[in-house]
Protein backbone atom coordinates (compact mmCIF):
# COMPACT_ATOMS: atom_id res chain seq x y z
CA MET A 1 -51.39 2.44 12.58
CA LYS A 2 -55.01 1.83 13.00
CA LYS A 3 -54.81 0.14 16.34
CA LEU A 4 -52.66 2.80 17.73
CA LEU A 5 -55.03 5.22 16.85
CA PHE A 6 -57.96 3.61 18.23
CA THR A 7 -55.70 3.08 21.46
CA ILE A 8 -54.36 6.84 21.98
CA ALA A 9 -58.39 7.49 21.05
CA ILE A 10 -59.58 4.92 23.83
CA SER A 11 -56.89 6.17 26.37
CA GLY A 12 -57.81 10.09 25.69
CA ILE A 13 -61.12 9.08 26.60
CA LEU A 14 -60.88 7.20 29.82
CA ALA A 15 -58.70 9.90 30.89
CA ILE A 16 -61.25 12.97 30.11
CA THR A 17 -63.86 10.63 31.71
CA SER A 18 -61.98 9.79 34.74
CA ALA A 19 -60.62 13.44 34.96
CA PHE A 20 -64.39 14.53 35.00
CA THR A 21 -66.19 12.09 37.40
CA LEU A 22 -67.10 13.95 40.42
CA PRO A 23 -65.63 13.03 43.82
CA THR A 24 -67.86 10.80 46.20
CA VAL A 25 -68.91 13.68 49.18
CA SER A 26 -67.86 12.24 52.64
CA LYS A 27 -68.90 15.72 54.58
CA LEU A 28 -72.60 16.04 55.48
CA VAL A 29 -74.75 18.33 56.90
CA THR A 30 -77.80 18.82 58.85
CA LYS A 31 -79.55 22.25 60.05
CA ALA A 32 -82.68 20.47 61.78
CA GLY A 33 -80.60 18.31 64.57
CA HIS A 34 -81.95 17.55 67.59
CA ILE A 35 -81.17 18.25 71.53
CA ASN A 36 -83.09 17.73 74.86
CA PHE A 37 -81.68 18.53 78.15
CA PHE A 38 -83.46 16.59 81.49
CA SER A 39 -82.65 17.66 84.74
CA HIS A 40 -84.51 15.75 87.66
CA THR A 41 -84.80 16.28 90.98
CA ALA A 42 -87.31 15.86 94.02
CA VAL A 43 -88.66 18.96 93.26
CA GLU A 44 -89.48 18.88 89.81
CA ASP A 45 -88.33 17.98 86.05
CA ILE A 46 -86.98 20.37 83.51
CA SER A 47 -86.80 19.43 79.74
CA ALA A 48 -85.86 21.72 77.30
CA ASN A 49 -85.66 20.83 73.47
CA ASN A 50 -83.78 22.66 70.45
CA TYR A 51 -84.22 21.95 66.67
CA LYS A 52 -81.63 24.32 65.59
CA VAL A 53 -79.09 22.44 66.06
CA VAL A 54 -76.15 22.47 62.89
CA SER A 55 -74.23 19.69 62.50
CA THR A 56 -71.38 17.68 60.12
CA LEU A 57 -70.55 14.37 59.89
CA ASP A 58 -67.40 13.17 58.05
CA THR A 59 -67.69 9.65 56.59
CA ALA A 60 -64.28 9.75 55.87
CA THR A 61 -62.44 10.97 58.26
CA GLY A 62 -64.87 10.48 61.03
CA GLU A 63 -65.17 14.07 62.43
CA VAL A 64 -68.32 15.28 64.10
CA VAL A 65 -69.28 18.93 64.57
CA TYR A 66 -72.31 20.18 66.51
CA SER A 67 -73.06 23.82 66.72
CA VAL A 68 -75.85 24.55 69.08
CA PRO A 69 -77.19 28.37 69.40
CA MET A 70 -78.25 28.40 73.36
CA GLN A 71 -81.53 30.48 72.66
CA GLY A 72 -82.48 27.92 70.80
CA PHE A 73 -83.90 25.53 73.67
CA GLU A 74 -87.55 25.65 74.39
CA PHE A 75 -88.91 25.28 77.35
CA GLU A 76 -92.32 24.20 78.74
CA LYS A 77 -92.68 27.16 80.72
CA ALA A 78 -91.66 31.18 79.64
CA LEU A 79 -90.30 31.27 83.44
CA MET A 80 -87.92 28.36 83.05
CA GLN A 81 -86.58 29.88 79.61
CA LYS A 82 -86.20 32.95 80.99
CA HIS A 83 -84.21 31.81 84.07
CA TYR A 84 -82.11 29.47 81.81
CA ASN A 85 -80.83 32.51 79.53
CA SER A 86 -80.10 34.86 82.00
CA LYS A 87 -76.92 35.95 83.53
CA LYS A 88 -77.47 33.66 86.65
CA PHE A 89 -77.58 30.82 84.76
CA LEU A 90 -76.22 30.20 81.08
CA ASP A 91 -76.16 33.54 80.20
CA THR A 92 -76.94 33.07 76.61
CA LYS A 93 -75.96 36.58 75.36
CA THR A 94 -72.55 36.65 76.48
CA PHE A 95 -72.15 32.80 75.19
CA PRO A 96 -74.65 32.60 72.54
CA LYS A 97 -73.46 29.17 71.22
CA ALA A 98 -72.21 25.70 72.72
CA LYS A 99 -70.08 23.94 70.40
CA PHE A 100 -68.68 19.76 70.48
CA LYS A 101 -66.03 18.88 67.65
CA GLY A 102 -64.85 15.43 67.87
CA GLN A 103 -63.67 11.88 66.17
CA ILE A 104 -65.04 8.70 65.93
CA THR A 105 -62.43 6.37 67.52
CA ASN A 106 -63.46 3.15 66.14
CA LEU A 107 -64.33 4.47 62.28
CA GLU A 108 -63.58 0.98 61.39
CA ALA A 109 -66.05 -0.42 62.79
CA ILE A 110 -68.75 1.52 60.30
CA ASN A 111 -69.56 0.96 57.45
CA PHE A 112 -71.49 4.18 55.89
CA GLU A 113 -71.92 2.43 53.06
CA ALA A 114 -74.39 -0.63 54.33
CA ASP A 115 -77.75 -0.42 56.30
CA GLY A 116 -77.27 -1.43 59.84
CA THR A 117 -76.68 0.03 63.31
CA TYR A 118 -73.03 0.37 64.74
CA ASN A 119 -71.69 1.76 68.16
CA ALA A 120 -69.56 4.62 67.65
CA THR A 121 -67.15 6.34 70.40
CA ILE A 122 -66.78 10.04 69.95
CA THR A 123 -64.07 11.66 71.69
CA GLY A 124 -63.83 15.41 71.56
CA GLU A 125 -64.35 18.87 73.00
CA MET A 126 -67.32 20.32 74.31
CA ASN A 127 -67.30 24.06 74.70
CA LEU A 128 -70.21 25.25 76.89
CA HIS A 129 -70.69 29.09 78.85
CA GLY A 130 -66.87 29.76 77.64
CA ILE A 131 -65.45 26.28 79.40
CA THR A 132 -63.69 23.38 76.81
CA LYS A 133 -63.57 19.94 78.41
CA ALA A 134 -62.78 16.76 76.94
CA ILE A 135 -65.45 13.99 76.84
CA THR A 136 -65.85 10.86 75.41
CA GLU A 137 -69.57 9.49 74.53
CA THR A 138 -70.86 6.29 72.84
CA ALA A 139 -73.27 7.04 69.71
CA THR A 140 -75.58 4.46 67.80
CA ILE A 141 -74.97 5.09 64.29
CA THR A 142 -77.96 3.67 62.08
CA VAL A 143 -77.81 3.70 58.12
CA SER A 144 -80.93 3.28 56.10
CA GLY A 145 -80.55 4.15 52.31
CA ASN A 146 -79.13 7.02 51.75
CA LYS A 147 -79.91 8.54 55.54
CA ILE A 148 -77.55 8.27 58.28
CA THR A 149 -79.02 8.97 61.95
CA VAL A 150 -76.18 9.74 64.90
CA GLU A 151 -78.23 9.55 68.38
CA THR A 152 -76.26 10.16 71.93
CA LYS A 153 -76.84 10.33 75.56
CA VAL A 154 -74.10 12.08 77.58
CA ASN A 155 -74.30 13.60 81.58
CA LEU A 156 -72.91 17.17 81.71
CA THR A 157 -71.92 18.00 85.29
CA LEU A 158 -73.25 21.65 85.55
CA VAL A 159 -70.26 22.51 87.81
CA ASP A 160 -67.77 21.84 85.22
CA TYR A 161 -68.75 24.34 82.75
CA LYS A 162 -69.17 26.89 85.57
CA VAL A 163 -72.58 26.76 86.20
CA ALA A 164 -73.89 26.32 90.07
CA PHE A 165 -76.07 27.74 92.26
CA LYS A 166 -74.75 27.90 96.48
CA GLY A 167 -78.44 28.47 97.10
CA GLY A 168 -81.86 29.68 96.71
CA LYS A 169 -84.30 27.86 94.41
CA PRO A 170 -82.18 26.84 91.54
CA SER A 171 -79.96 24.94 94.02
CA THR A 172 -82.87 22.78 94.53
CA ASN A 173 -85.03 23.01 91.30
CA ILE A 174 -81.69 21.97 88.86
CA ALA A 175 -80.21 18.99 88.92
CA LYS A 176 -75.96 18.98 89.44
CA THR A 177 -75.53 16.55 86.71
CA ILE A 178 -77.87 17.28 83.61
CA GLU A 179 -79.20 14.64 80.92
CA VAL A 180 -78.56 15.55 77.28
CA THR A 181 -79.53 13.41 74.43
CA SER A 182 -79.41 14.51 70.82
CA LYS A 183 -80.26 12.86 67.20
CA SER A 184 -79.03 14.66 63.96
CA GLU A 185 -80.11 13.09 60.58
CA TYR A 186 -77.79 13.31 57.45
CA THR A 187 -78.62 12.34 53.78
CA LYS A 188 -75.86 10.91 51.41
CA GLU A 189 -76.11 12.25 47.83
CA GLY A 190 -76.69 9.71 45.17
């Protein structure tokens, strides 16, 4: 009888302990991601940085989301920033955010629990200037201790997002395709 009561007590303790074990958190968030865009033409180079990018990474499902406040881009010259935000270019008052929502398609090749550098393919949809387009990009994912860093580089053709100039200075000063790089660092709990 004592053995039976002891077994029941141990089983009860194990059941209670497992009921209160915290689940592993797989959805990571950063509110300080960085995006840079670069435009090169024979006339001039234009670069802008945005450090207000919010991003989530779900290590269990491979879902990746970026939300980019468009007025968060900072330029070297105030006039560039004014043109960028204007109705003739990105009209950031009407379209205040760009968003990317995608999926890591080779999730099995990435071990978020082991330090290392992994190549990832991410497929999803980019919404910019009110237009949504499917894109596939490559990313480098680095796991180091409790930090996960995701870095990407993608070329965006402006006319695909209805950002185009038929003439004037912008048509010669702004590249038709711009290089966009991003770096987001997530911290795992534990």
